[in-house]
Protein backbone atom coordinates (compact mmCIF):
# COMPACT_ATOMS: atom_id res chain seq x y z
CA MET A 1 24.12 8.39 13.84
CA LYS A 2 23.41 8.63 10.45
CA LEU A 3 20.50 7.58 8.47
CA GLN A 4 20.56 6.11 4.57
CA PHE A 5 17.86 6.00 1.98
CA LEU A 6 17.68 2.50 0.01
CA GLY A 7 14.17 3.18 -1.51
CA ALA A 8 11.22 5.59 -2.03
CA THR A 9 13.47 7.99 -3.17
CA ARG A 10 11.72 10.60 -5.59
CA GLN A 11 9.74 7.45 -6.59
CA VAL A 12 6.24 5.83 -4.48
CA THR A 13 7.46 2.39 -3.74
CA GLY A 14 10.36 0.27 -2.46
CA SER A 15 10.61 2.05 0.79
CA CYS A 16 13.38 1.25 2.89
CA TYR A 17 15.61 3.42 5.19
CA CYS A 18 18.76 2.30 7.12
CA LEU A 19 19.67 3.97 10.38
CA GLU A 20 22.87 3.84 12.43
CA ALA A 21 23.30 4.23 16.12
CA GLU A 22 24.78 3.46 18.94
CA GLY A 23 26.33 0.21 17.75
CA LEU A 24 22.93 -0.97 15.88
CA HIS A 25 21.95 -0.87 12.51
CA ILE A 26 18.06 -0.29 12.00
CA LEU A 27 16.49 -0.75 8.45
CA VAL A 28 12.57 0.90 8.66
CA GLU A 29 10.78 -1.16 5.65
CA CYS A 30 11.82 -3.42 3.14
CA GLY A 31 9.43 -2.92 0.05
CA GLN A 32 9.17 -3.69 -3.48
CA PHE A 33 10.15 -1.64 -6.12
CA GLN A 34 6.95 -1.96 -8.17
CA GLU A 35 7.91 1.12 -11.05
CA ARG A 36 8.84 -0.61 -14.23
CA GLU A 37 11.93 1.24 -14.65
CA PHE A 38 13.02 0.33 -11.23
CA LEU A 39 12.21 -3.43 -11.18
CA TYR A 40 15.63 -4.19 -11.44
CA ARG A 41 16.03 -3.34 -7.79
CA ASN A 42 14.18 -6.31 -6.78
CA TRP A 43 16.67 -8.71 -8.22
CA GLU A 44 19.96 -6.64 -6.95
CA PRO A 45 21.78 -8.04 -3.77
CA PHE A 46 20.57 -5.27 -0.40
CA PRO A 47 22.99 -2.45 -0.59
CA VAL A 48 23.52 -3.17 3.21
CA PHE A 49 24.80 -6.68 3.62
CA PRO A 50 21.30 -8.46 5.55
CA SER A 51 23.49 -10.28 7.86
CA ARG A 52 24.88 -6.71 9.65
CA ILE A 53 20.51 -5.77 10.62
CA ASP A 54 20.22 -5.88 13.86
CA ALA A 55 16.16 -5.10 13.09
CA LEU A 56 13.32 -4.31 11.06
CA ILE A 57 10.69 -2.45 11.87
CA LEU A 58 7.47 -2.31 9.28
CA THR A 59 4.94 0.35 9.41
CA HIS A 60 2.53 -1.56 7.74
CA VAL A 61 1.88 -4.43 5.30
CA HIS A 62 1.52 -2.90 1.61
CA LEU A 63 4.31 -4.33 -0.79
CA ASP A 64 5.55 -1.40 -1.16
CA HIS A 65 6.98 -1.55 2.33
CA SER A 66 7.05 -5.36 3.24
CA GLY A 67 7.70 -6.63 -0.07
CA LEU A 68 11.40 -7.84 0.04
CA ILE A 69 11.42 -9.15 3.61
CA PRO A 70 11.58 -12.65 2.58
CA LYS A 71 14.41 -12.12 0.28
CA LEU A 72 16.27 -10.12 3.49
CA VAL A 73 15.56 -13.11 5.13
CA ARG A 74 16.93 -15.47 2.44
CA GLU A 75 20.19 -13.22 2.06
CA GLY A 76 21.37 -13.75 5.74
CA PHE A 77 18.63 -11.22 7.64
CA SER A 78 17.85 -13.18 11.39
CA GLY A 79 16.97 -9.95 13.80
CA PRO A 80 13.70 -9.76 14.68
CA ILE A 81 11.02 -8.19 12.83
CA LEU A 82 8.52 -5.58 14.86
CA THR A 83 5.37 -4.31 13.76
CA THR A 84 1.89 -3.89 15.06
CA PRO A 85 0.13 -6.82 16.33
CA ALA A 86 -2.52 -6.68 13.32
CA SER A 87 0.29 -6.12 11.00
CA GLN A 88 1.99 -9.62 12.17
CA GLU A 89 -1.40 -11.01 11.26
CA MET A 90 -1.78 -9.72 7.95
CA LEU A 91 1.73 -9.89 6.75
CA GLU A 92 1.69 -13.82 6.95
CA ILE A 93 -1.62 -13.39 4.40
CA VAL A 94 -0.08 -10.67 2.24
CA LEU A 95 3.46 -12.48 1.73
CA LEU A 96 1.98 -15.91 0.98
CA ASP A 97 -0.11 -14.11 -1.59
CA SER A 98 2.68 -12.49 -2.97
CA ALA A 99 4.97 -15.78 -3.29
CA ARG A 100 2.09 -17.75 -4.66
CA ILE A 101 1.91 -15.06 -7.73
CA HIS A 102 5.80 -14.62 -7.83
CA GLU A 103 5.85 -18.76 -8.06
CA GLU A 104 3.09 -18.54 -10.88
CA ASP A 105 4.45 -15.67 -12.29
CA ALA A 106 8.10 -17.02 -13.17
CA ALA A 107 5.93 -20.34 -14.61
CA TYR A 108 4.23 -18.55 -17.04
CA LYS A 109 6.81 -16.38 -18.10
CA LYS A 110 9.11 -19.14 -18.78
CA LYS A 111 6.72 -21.40 -20.65
CA ARG A 112 5.58 -17.83 -22.54
CA HIS A 113 9.88 -16.97 -23.67
CA ARG A 114 10.06 -20.66 -24.44
CA ARG A 115 7.36 -20.36 -26.83
CA GLU A 116 8.07 -16.73 -28.13
CA LYS A 117 11.21 -18.30 -28.20
CA ARG A 118 13.24 -15.14 -26.25
CA THR A 119 14.30 -14.23 -22.91
CA GLY A 120 12.46 -11.55 -20.63
CA PRO A 121 15.06 -8.90 -18.71
CA TYR A 122 14.78 -11.04 -15.00
CA PRO A 123 15.80 -13.97 -14.19
CA GLU A 124 12.64 -16.82 -14.91
CA VAL A 125 12.19 -17.85 -11.19
CA PRO A 126 9.97 -16.67 -8.33
CA LEU A 127 11.41 -12.97 -6.51
CA PHE A 128 10.63 -14.95 -3.26
CA THR A 129 8.97 -18.59 -2.95
CA LEU A 130 6.47 -20.20 -0.39
CA GLU A 131 9.25 -21.41 1.61
CA ASP A 132 11.02 -18.17 1.51
CA ALA A 133 7.59 -16.31 2.92
CA GLN A 134 7.36 -18.91 5.70
CA ASN A 135 10.99 -18.64 6.96
CA SER A 136 10.42 -14.88 7.39
CA PHE A 137 7.20 -15.53 10.41
CA PRO A 138 9.01 -16.68 12.95
CA LEU A 139 11.03 -13.35 13.38
CA VAL A 140 8.06 -11.34 12.95
CA GLN A 141 7.16 -10.19 16.80
CA GLY A 142 3.97 -7.73 17.19
CA VAL A 143 4.54 -4.38 19.27
CA PRO A 144 1.08 -3.08 20.66
CA TYR A 145 0.96 0.91 19.99
CA GLY A 146 2.03 3.24 22.62
CA THR A 147 4.44 0.86 23.92
CA ARG A 148 7.98 1.41 24.74
CA HIS A 149 10.10 -1.21 23.21
CA ARG A 150 13.95 -1.12 23.60
CA LEU A 151 16.47 -2.18 20.73
CA ASN A 152 19.43 -1.97 23.29
CA ASN A 153 20.61 0.18 26.68
CA ALA A 154 20.33 3.49 24.18
CA VAL A 155 17.87 2.73 21.26
CA SER A 156 14.44 2.83 21.65
CA LEU A 157 11.17 2.00 19.68
CA CYS A 158 7.52 3.18 19.62
CA LEU A 159 5.02 2.68 17.30
CA HIS A 160 1.98 5.09 17.00
CA ASP A 161 -1.25 4.56 14.67
CA ALA A 162 -0.63 6.26 11.32
CA GLY A 163 -4.83 5.85 10.64
CA HIS A 164 -3.18 4.80 6.72
CA ILE A 165 -4.60 1.02 7.37
CA LEU A 166 -5.54 -1.29 9.78
CA GLY A 167 -2.68 -1.70 11.90
CA SER A 168 -1.03 0.85 9.80
CA ALA A 169 1.98 2.96 12.39
CA MET A 170 4.73 5.75 12.66
CA VAL A 171 8.06 4.75 14.39
CA GLU A 172 9.32 6.86 16.84
CA LEU A 173 12.95 5.70 17.50
CA THR A 174 14.61 7.52 20.36
CA VAL A 175 18.31 7.30 20.82
CA GLN A 176 20.27 8.42 24.04
CA GLU A 177 23.57 9.66 22.99
CA GLN A 178 25.94 10.01 25.51
CA ARG A 179 23.54 13.28 27.39
CA GLN A 180 21.50 13.56 24.21
CA LYS A 181 18.50 12.69 23.18
CA ARG A 182 17.68 12.35 19.73
CA ARG A 183 14.13 11.71 18.43
CA ILE A 184 13.57 10.07 15.17
CA ILE A 185 9.94 10.08 13.12
CA PHE A 186 9.21 7.96 10.60
CA SER A 187 5.67 8.90 9.35
CA GLY A 188 5.17 5.69 7.09
CA ASP A 189 1.97 6.12 5.06
CA ILE A 190 -0.29 9.10 6.64
CA GLY A 191 -3.85 8.64 6.29
CA GLN A 192 -6.80 10.92 5.75
CA TRP A 193 -8.72 12.94 8.86
CA ASP A 194 -12.43 12.27 9.42
CA LYS A 195 -12.67 9.03 7.14
CA PRO A 196 -14.75 5.41 7.67
CA LEU A 197 -13.08 2.42 9.27
CA VAL A 198 -9.66 3.48 10.65
CA ARG A 199 -9.06 6.20 13.02
CA ASP A 200 -7.39 9.81 12.47
CA PRO A 201 -3.90 9.63 12.26
CA SER A 202 -1.09 10.57 15.14
CA VAL A 203 0.43 13.78 15.29
CA PHE A 204 3.53 14.71 17.13
CA ASP A 205 4.79 17.90 19.18
CA GLN A 206 8.18 17.34 19.33
CA ALA A 207 11.45 15.43 16.76
CA ASP A 208 14.58 15.84 15.49
CA TYR A 209 14.31 13.88 12.58
CA VAL A 210 10.90 13.68 10.29
CA VAL A 211 11.43 10.81 7.59
CA MET A 212 7.76 11.48 5.89
CA GLU A 213 5.30 10.68 2.94
CA SER A 214 5.07 13.16 -0.33
CA THR A 215 2.71 10.19 -2.15
CA TYR A 216 0.10 13.02 -2.66
CA GLY A 217 2.40 15.93 -1.76
CA ASN A 218 0.84 18.27 -4.93
CA ARG A 219 -2.75 17.23 -5.36
CA SER A 220 -6.17 17.35 -3.42
CA HIS A 221 -8.57 14.53 -2.78
CA ASP A 222 -12.31 15.03 -3.03
CA ASN A 223 -14.12 13.71 0.83
CA PHE A 224 -15.51 10.48 1.36
CA GLU A 225 -19.28 11.66 0.46
CA SER A 226 -17.98 13.09 -2.75
CA ALA A 227 -16.63 9.42 -3.46
CA GLU A 228 -19.73 7.50 -2.99
CA ASN A 229 -21.83 10.04 -5.34
CA GLN A 230 -19.13 9.14 -8.22
CA MET A 231 -19.59 5.58 -7.44
CA GLN A 232 -23.13 5.63 -7.27
CA ARG A 233 -23.35 7.74 -10.78
CA ILE A 234 -20.74 5.38 -12.56
CA ILE A 235 -22.39 2.11 -11.58
CA LYS A 236 -25.50 3.64 -12.70
CA ASP A 237 -24.14 4.68 -15.75
CA THR A 238 -22.40 1.22 -16.07
CA VAL A 239 -25.68 -0.56 -15.67
CA ALA A 240 -27.84 1.41 -18.04
CA ALA A 241 -24.94 0.57 -20.56
CA GLY A 242 -24.91 -3.55 -20.13
CA GLY A 243 -21.63 -3.24 -18.82
CA ASN A 244 -19.84 -4.54 -15.95
CA VAL A 245 -17.48 -2.52 -13.54
CA ILE A 246 -14.39 -3.62 -12.50
CA ILE A 247 -12.54 -2.10 -9.91
CA PRO A 248 -8.60 -3.00 -9.49
CA THR A 249 -8.72 -3.46 -5.81
CA PHE A 250 -5.68 -3.39 -3.23
CA ALA A 251 -6.50 -5.99 -0.81
CA ILE A 252 -5.62 -4.12 2.45
CA GLU A 253 -8.12 -1.24 3.55
CA ARG A 254 -8.92 -0.25 0.13
CA ALA A 255 -11.08 -3.23 -0.57
CA GLN A 256 -13.01 -2.70 2.31
CA GLU A 257 -13.58 1.10 1.90
CA VAL A 258 -15.17 0.11 -1.44
CA LEU A 259 -16.96 -2.17 0.47
CA TYR A 260 -18.22 -0.15 2.88
CA CYS A 261 -19.30 2.66 0.47
CA LEU A 262 -21.38 -0.42 -1.82
CA SER A 263 -23.08 -1.25 1.85
CA GLN A 264 -24.10 1.99 2.42
CA LEU A 265 -25.09 2.44 -1.63
CA GLU A 266 -27.45 -0.27 -1.02
CA ARG A 267 -28.88 -0.07 2.30
CA ARG A 268 -29.71 3.45 0.84
CA ASP A 269 -30.90 2.08 -2.71
CA LEU A 270 -29.14 4.51 -3.92
CA ILE A 271 -27.79 1.48 -6.88
CA PRO A 272 -29.72 -1.58 -8.48
CA TYR A 273 -29.10 -4.91 -7.11
CA LEU A 274 -26.00 -5.94 -8.10
CA MET A 275 -23.73 -8.94 -8.14
CA VAL A 276 -20.62 -7.82 -6.31
CA PHE A 277 -17.22 -10.14 -7.05
CA LEU A 278 -14.91 -9.67 -4.21
CA ASP A 279 -12.28 -12.12 -6.34
CA SER A 280 -9.07 -11.91 -4.25
CA PRO A 281 -8.42 -14.64 -1.70
CA MET A 282 -6.07 -11.82 0.17
CA ALA A 283 -8.55 -9.51 0.44
CA VAL A 284 -11.08 -12.11 1.86
CA ASP A 285 -8.61 -12.85 4.51
CA ILE A 286 -7.90 -9.53 5.22
CA THR A 287 -11.76 -8.66 5.81
CA HIS A 288 -11.61 -11.28 8.42
CA VAL A 289 -8.77 -9.72 9.83
CA PHE A 290 -10.90 -6.90 10.58
CA LEU A 291 -13.60 -8.34 12.09
CA ARG A 292 -11.28 -9.89 14.73
CA HIS A 293 -9.66 -6.59 15.28
CA LYS A 294 -12.88 -4.30 15.63
CA ASN A 295 -11.15 -2.04 18.72
CA LEU A 296 -8.58 -0.60 15.67
CA LEU A 297 -11.59 0.79 13.54
CA ASP A 298 -13.02 3.96 14.38
CA ARG A 299 -16.23 5.21 16.49
CA GLU A 300 -18.81 5.30 13.23
CA THR A 301 -17.45 1.64 12.07
CA ILE A 302 -18.00 0.47 15.51
CA ALA A 303 -21.21 1.49 15.97
CA LEU A 304 -22.53 0.11 13.28
CA PHE A 305 -21.12 -3.28 14.19
CA GLU A 306 -23.22 -3.01 17.28
CA GLU A 307 -26.54 -1.89 15.15
CA GLY A 308 -25.73 -5.62 13.46
CA ASN A 309 -24.96 -3.75 9.98
CA SER A 310 -21.68 -4.92 9.16
CA PRO A 311 -19.95 -3.20 6.24
CA PHE A 312 -18.80 -6.14 4.94
CA GLY A 313 -21.69 -7.87 4.41
CA PHE A 314 -24.79 -7.33 2.00
CA PRO A 315 -27.21 -8.91 -0.54
CA GLY A 316 -25.67 -9.49 -3.66
CA LEU A 317 -21.33 -10.10 -2.36
CA ARG A 318 -20.03 -12.87 -3.46
CA LEU A 319 -16.15 -13.47 -1.78
CA VAL A 320 -14.24 -15.91 -4.41
CA ARG A 321 -11.80 -17.48 -3.55
CA SER A 322 -10.39 -20.47 -6.41
CA ILE A 323 -9.56 -19.97 -9.48
CA GLU A 324 -12.23 -21.95 -11.18
CA GLN A 325 -14.92 -19.20 -9.48
CA SER A 326 -13.15 -16.81 -10.57
CA LYS A 327 -13.39 -17.84 -14.34
CA ALA A 328 -16.74 -18.49 -13.66
CA ILE A 329 -17.74 -14.64 -13.26
CA ASN A 330 -16.77 -14.30 -16.91
CA SER A 331 -19.93 -16.54 -18.06
CA ILE A 332 -22.87 -13.95 -15.69
CA ARG A 333 -24.68 -12.30 -18.39
CA GLY A 334 -26.15 -8.63 -17.24
CA SER A 335 -23.58 -6.09 -15.35
CA CYS A 336 -21.97 -7.20 -12.24
CA ILE A 337 -19.21 -5.50 -10.08
CA VAL A 338 -15.72 -6.85 -10.03
CA MET A 339 -13.56 -6.31 -7.19
CA ALA A 340 -9.67 -7.88 -8.22
CA GLY A 341 -5.70 -7.09 -7.08
CA SER A 342 -3.72 -5.82 -7.62
CA GLY A 343 -4.83 -2.44 -7.75
CA MET A 344 -2.00 -1.19 -9.73
CA CYS A 345 -3.03 -3.84 -12.22
CA THR A 346 0.65 -5.61 -11.68
CA GLY A 347 -0.10 -9.12 -11.24
CA GLY A 348 -3.37 -11.03 -9.70
CA ARG A 349 -6.17 -11.68 -11.21
CA ILE A 350 -7.57 -8.30 -12.13
CA LYS A 351 -5.53 -8.87 -15.45
CA HIS A 352 -7.77 -11.56 -16.42
CA HIS A 353 -10.73 -9.56 -15.88
CA LEU A 354 -9.28 -6.49 -18.00
CA VAL A 355 -8.52 -9.17 -20.62
CA GLN A 356 -12.63 -9.19 -20.85
CA ASN A 357 -13.83 -6.13 -20.20
CA ILE A 358 -10.99 -3.28 -21.24
CA HIS A 359 -12.38 -3.87 -25.09
CA ARG A 360 -16.22 -3.17 -24.12
CA GLU A 361 -17.07 0.12 -24.74
CA GLU A 362 -20.42 -0.70 -22.63
CA SER A 363 -17.88 -1.81 -19.21
CA THR A 364 -15.97 0.53 -16.63
CA ILE A 365 -12.78 0.45 -15.53
CA LEU A 366 -12.90 2.15 -12.20
CA PHE A 367 -9.45 2.91 -9.77
CA VAL A 368 -9.98 3.54 -6.52
CA GLY A 369 -6.27 4.06 -5.56
CA TYR A 370 -3.07 5.92 -6.84
CA GLN A 371 -1.44 4.37 -9.85
CA ALA A 372 2.57 4.41 -9.78
CA GLN A 373 4.61 5.44 -13.01
CA GLY A 374 5.58 2.48 -14.92
CA THR A 375 2.51 0.08 -13.90
CA LEU A 376 -0.09 -1.40 -16.27
CA GLY A 377 -2.95 0.96 -13.89
CA ARG A 378 -0.94 4.23 -14.47
CA HIS A 379 -0.82 3.72 -18.20
CA ILE A 380 -4.61 2.77 -18.46
CA VAL A 381 -5.55 6.00 -16.19
CA ASP A 382 -2.89 8.09 -18.32
CA GLY A 383 -5.06 7.14 -21.60
CA LYS A 384 -2.95 5.03 -23.36
CA LYS A 385 -5.01 4.06 -26.39
CA GLU A 386 -3.71 0.20 -25.91
CA VAL A 387 -2.02 -2.00 -23.37
CA ARG A 388 -0.15 -4.85 -23.20
CA ILE A 389 -1.67 -7.59 -20.59
CA HIS A 390 -0.08 -11.29 -20.51
CA GLY A 391 1.80 -10.23 -23.25
CA LYS A 392 -1.04 -9.19 -26.04
CA MET A 393 -1.80 -5.65 -26.92
CA TYR A 394 -5.86 -4.67 -25.93
CA PRO A 395 -7.79 -1.91 -27.24
CA VAL A 396 -8.51 0.52 -24.52
CA ARG A 397 -12.39 1.04 -25.51
CA ALA A 398 -13.86 0.83 -22.06
CA ARG A 399 -14.52 4.18 -19.89
CA ILE A 400 -11.89 4.76 -17.62
CA GLU A 401 -13.08 6.46 -14.18
CA GLN A 402 -10.79 7.25 -10.93
CA ILE A 403 -12.26 8.14 -7.81
CA GLU A 404 -10.09 10.02 -5.42
CA GLY A 405 -11.81 10.08 -1.95
CA PHE A 406 -10.98 6.51 -1.49
CA SER A 407 -7.36 7.01 -1.00
CA ALA A 408 -6.10 5.82 2.36
CA HIS A 409 -2.82 8.76 1.77
CA ALA A 410 -3.05 12.41 3.04
CA ASP A 411 -3.50 14.67 0.72
CA ASP A 412 -0.97 18.03 0.32
CA LYS A 413 -3.00 19.97 2.64
CA ASP A 414 -3.43 16.92 5.16
CA LEU A 415 0.42 16.43 4.93
CA MET A 416 1.09 20.04 6.23
CA ARG A 417 -1.44 19.86 8.70
CA TRP A 418 0.53 16.46 10.06
CA ILE A 419 3.84 18.39 9.90
CA GLY A 420 2.42 21.68 11.47
CA THR A 421 1.84 20.42 14.86
CA LEU A 422 5.44 19.92 15.51
CA GLU A 423 5.73 22.92 18.18
CA SER A 424 9.57 23.66 16.74
CA PRO A 425 11.50 23.29 13.91
CA PRO A 426 13.51 19.60 13.80
CA LYS A 427 16.82 19.91 12.34
CA LYS A 428 15.97 18.05 9.10
CA VAL A 429 12.65 17.12 7.37
CA PHE A 430 13.62 14.31 4.87
CA VAL A 431 10.55 14.09 2.21
CA THR A 432 10.28 10.68 0.26
CA HIS A 433 7.80 8.29 -1.15
CA GLY A 434 6.78 10.25 -3.67
CA GLU A 435 7.23 10.73 -7.41
CA GLN A 436 9.67 14.04 -8.04
CA LYS A 437 7.26 16.53 -8.50
CA ALA A 438 5.45 15.40 -5.45
CA ALA A 439 7.81 15.06 -3.45
CA PHE A 440 9.35 18.92 -4.22
CA ALA A 441 6.25 19.97 -3.82
CA LEU A 442 5.77 18.90 -0.51
CA ALA A 443 9.43 20.01 0.37
CA ASP A 444 9.10 23.65 -1.27
CA ARG A 445 5.52 24.09 0.80
CA ILE A 446 7.63 23.10 4.11
CA LYS A 447 10.07 25.31 3.19
CA GLY A 448 7.85 28.11 2.20
CA ASP A 449 5.14 28.24 4.79
CA LEU A 450 7.53 26.77 7.96
CA LYS A 451 10.80 27.91 6.60
CA TRP A 452 11.99 24.85 8.11
CA ALA A 453 15.30 22.70 7.05
CA VAL A 454 14.03 20.28 4.31
CA SER A 455 15.54 17.84 1.59
CA VAL A 456 14.33 15.40 -0.94
CA PRO A 457 16.98 12.25 -1.38
CA GLN A 458 18.07 10.49 -4.06
CA TYR A 459 18.26 6.56 -4.02
CA LEU A 460 21.29 5.53 -1.67
CA ASP A 461 22.20 8.65 -0.30
CA GLU A 462 23.57 9.38 3.12
CA PHE A 463 23.05 11.72 5.88
CA PRO A 464 24.75 12.20 9.35
CA LEU A 465 22.35 13.44 12.03
CA ALA A 466 24.48 15.20 14.41
C-alpha cells in the first residue's frame, strides 16, 4: 500500500492524491492548479495513467479539488466518481461553468494574441470543453454521508460532513490487508465551528494515516459576528464616499454566506438600502441547490426558513444571469454592491467589474476569501500599485479591504482542535493544501504539541504505508 501526492503540496491548489491498495488505484480529488507559477501542470499529462485509475473520490466541488475531472475523463479515465449527492448535483453546474469560461478565455486570448502578434505560454485552446465536461457526468455517483461503500472486497469508503461547503466531505478509507485493517482519513477542506449555513466539521477518534489541509495553518480568523461588523462599516464608508463595493466571490458557500450576512444587516436596518447584484449564473444556480438541500444546513439557518426569512432573499437583491444584464450594472448611478466570480479574480465577470472600479478612489474592492499566491486577487491584496487585467495595466486606487471571518476553512486553532480529537497517535500525518509557511507551521505545531510523526510532502512524493 502506498500514497502519492500529485498536487496541493506546499501550495493550496491542485489537490490530488493517489492511493494504491489491494489491487486498486484510487484517486482522491482531481483539482486544478490556480497559482500562476503552477498553471503549466494543468496542461501536462497526468502523472498516473488515467486508464489505470479504478475510482475517483471527490471531497467537494471547488475547482482546486474538481477542476481537472473533464481532462482526466478525456484522457482515458472511465471509473466511478464518488461524492455526496449534493456535490453530485453541484458538480455539473461548476464544471459546465468552468468549461464555458475556458472556451471563452481561449477564444479571447487567441484573438488578442493575434492582434498583438505574439503567442502565450499555453495552448490557445480550452483546457477542457463543454463536451468534455458533459462526458464526465455519467460517471458520477452519489454516496450519502455515513454509508459504507465497497470499492472491492478489501477496500471500503465512508464520507463524513466536512463543514466546509454544502455537500463537502471527509474521506475515510478502510483497507483490509490480510489480518490487518488500516484506516486512512483525507480531511478535504475542514470547515469552521459555529458558523451559519453548514454544520460543524466531523471529527474522528482513530486513524492510521491522516492527510489534512493547512490553508490557514499559521493564521487565526475573526469570528462571524466580527465579520458582520466589518461588512457594515465598509458598506457605510463606501456609500458615504459615493463608490461601489465590489466583492470577488466564490460561487459556492461564500456567495451564500455573504448573502446571509447582507440579509441580516438589511433586516436590522444596519446598512442603507442598496441594490445588491449577484452577478454569477453559477452562484444563482448553486443558491437554488442550497434550497433543495435544506436538511444539510445548520439549525440556525433551518429556523430562518421556518420563520419565512430566507437568508438568500431580501429587498434590493438582483440575481444576474445574462451578459447584457451584467454590462448594464456599470451604467447605474449611485452606489451598489456587486458580487461576482471568480473568488481569486482568475477569470469570470469579476474582471470586468474590476476594470470599471479598481481605479476609483471612492470604490472598495472587498475580499472575503483566500487568495492564492500568483493570482490577481493576491496581487491586489498584497498592495500592488498596478495590476494586469485582460492584457492591460490598471492603477489600483480603490480601497482594498479583506474580511477573514467568512472563510470556509478552519484556522490554526480549529485545525489543531480537529486533529487533536484522535485518541491515539496515527502512524503519520501528511500536511497538504497550504502554502509552505502555513504547512510547516501546522506540521511543527503537531510535532511540538502532540509529538506525532508528520510529513509535508513535495510534488510527486510517494510514501509506503507499511
